[in-house]
Amino acid sequence: MPYRNPERKRQWEREHRETRNAIRRMQRLHARSGHVFQKTAPDPCSDQNPRGTWKTILGWAIGIGVVLLAAIAGTDPPPSLQAQR
């Protein structure tokens, strides 16, 4: 990335030298211990809850409720199932 003012770039590098060196030391330390040090962006999906769970639970509850209501009311099964008896 080209800088418009090279003197400002040198000044920034002087001001942030300790921070950059500390990061490099940590990277070397992790490399020696066998750990991989990567600067990666956090996964935006990992901290989100699954979106469809409450809909699934509600669907199961309604389905079971309908079946129980039909069993209590004593409705006859469809004709295709009655022929199998």
Protein backbone atom coordinates (compact mmCIF):
# COMPACT_ATOMS: atom_id res chain seq x y z
CA MET A 1 0.00 0.00 0.00
CA PRO A 2 1.66 3.22 -1.07
CA TYR A 3 1.80 5.93 1.57
CA ARG A 4 1.27 9.53 0.66
CA ASN A 5 3.68 10.78 3.28
CA PRO A 6 6.75 8.56 3.82
CA GLU A 7 7.80 10.54 6.91
CA ARG A 8 4.41 9.87 8.55
CA LYS A 9 4.85 6.17 7.77
CA ARG A 10 8.28 6.09 9.44
CA GLN A 11 6.84 7.93 12.46
CA TRP A 12 4.00 5.40 12.79
CA GLU A 13 6.46 2.51 12.53
CA ARG A 14 8.63 4.03 15.27
CA GLU A 15 5.60 4.54 17.54
CA HIS A 16 4.29 1.00 17.07
CA ARG A 17 7.60 -0.89 16.98
CA GLU A 18 7.20 -2.38 20.48
CA THR A 19 3.71 -3.69 19.73
CA ARG A 20 4.80 -5.26 16.46
CA ASN A 21 7.86 -6.83 18.11
CA ALA A 22 5.71 -8.25 20.93
CA ILE A 23 3.39 -9.86 18.38
CA ARG A 24 6.37 -11.38 16.58
CA ARG A 25 7.76 -12.75 19.87
CA MET A 26 4.40 -14.39 20.64
CA GLN A 27 4.28 -15.92 17.16
CA ARG A 28 7.77 -17.37 17.61
CA LEU A 29 6.85 -18.69 21.06
CA HIS A 30 3.74 -20.41 19.70
CA ALA A 31 5.70 -21.83 16.77
CA ARG A 32 8.27 -23.39 19.13
CA SER A 33 5.59 -24.94 21.34
CA GLY A 34 3.84 -26.52 18.37
CA HIS A 35 0.79 -24.28 18.42
CA VAL A 36 -0.31 -22.61 15.23
CA PHE A 37 -0.84 -18.88 15.61
CA GLN A 38 -3.19 -17.46 13.04
CA LYS A 39 -4.88 -14.15 12.73
CA THR A 40 -8.32 -15.18 11.57
CA ALA A 41 -11.61 -13.41 11.71
CA PRO A 42 -14.12 -14.96 14.10
CA ASP A 43 -16.73 -17.19 12.53
CA PRO A 44 -19.95 -15.17 12.49
CA CYS A 45 -22.06 -18.32 12.51
CA SER A 46 -20.44 -19.94 15.52
CA ASP A 47 -21.90 -17.59 18.14
CA GLN A 48 -25.43 -17.67 16.73
CA ASN A 49 -28.10 -20.03 17.99
CA PRO A 50 -29.78 -22.34 15.51
CA ARG A 51 -32.69 -20.45 14.03
CA GLY A 52 -35.23 -23.21 13.49
CA THR A 53 -35.28 -24.93 16.89
CA TRP A 54 -38.37 -23.28 18.35
CA LYS A 55 -40.28 -23.85 15.11
CA THR A 56 -39.35 -27.52 15.16
CA ILE A 57 -40.45 -27.91 18.78
CA LEU A 58 -43.72 -26.10 18.07
CA GLY A 59 -44.36 -28.30 15.03
CA TRP A 60 -43.80 -31.48 17.03
CA ALA A 61 -46.04 -30.24 19.85
CA ILE A 62 -48.89 -29.41 17.46
CA GLY A 63 -48.50 -32.73 15.63
CA ILE A 64 -48.56 -34.77 18.82
CA GLY A 65 -51.50 -32.71 20.08
CA VAL A 66 -53.52 -33.40 16.95
CA VAL A 67 -52.81 -37.13 17.13
CA LEU A 68 -53.73 -37.27 20.83
CA LEU A 69 -56.90 -35.27 20.20
CA ALA A 70 -57.88 -37.66 17.39
CA ALA A 71 -57.18 -40.68 19.63
CA ILE A 72 -59.23 -39.27 22.51
CA ALA A 73 -62.12 -38.30 20.24
CA GLY A 74 -62.15 -41.82 18.83
CA THR A 75 -62.03 -40.95 15.17
CA ASP A 76 -61.82 -43.78 12.70
CA PRO A 77 -58.62 -44.18 10.68
CA PRO A 78 -58.73 -43.37 6.98
CA PRO A 79 -60.43 -45.99 4.76
CA SER A 80 -57.11 -47.14 3.30
CA LEU A 81 -55.97 -48.21 6.77
CA GLN A 82 -59.31 -49.86 7.67
CA ALA A 83 -58.97 -52.30 4.77
CA GLN A 84 -55.69 -53.61 6.21
CA ARG A 85 -57.38 -54.84 9.43
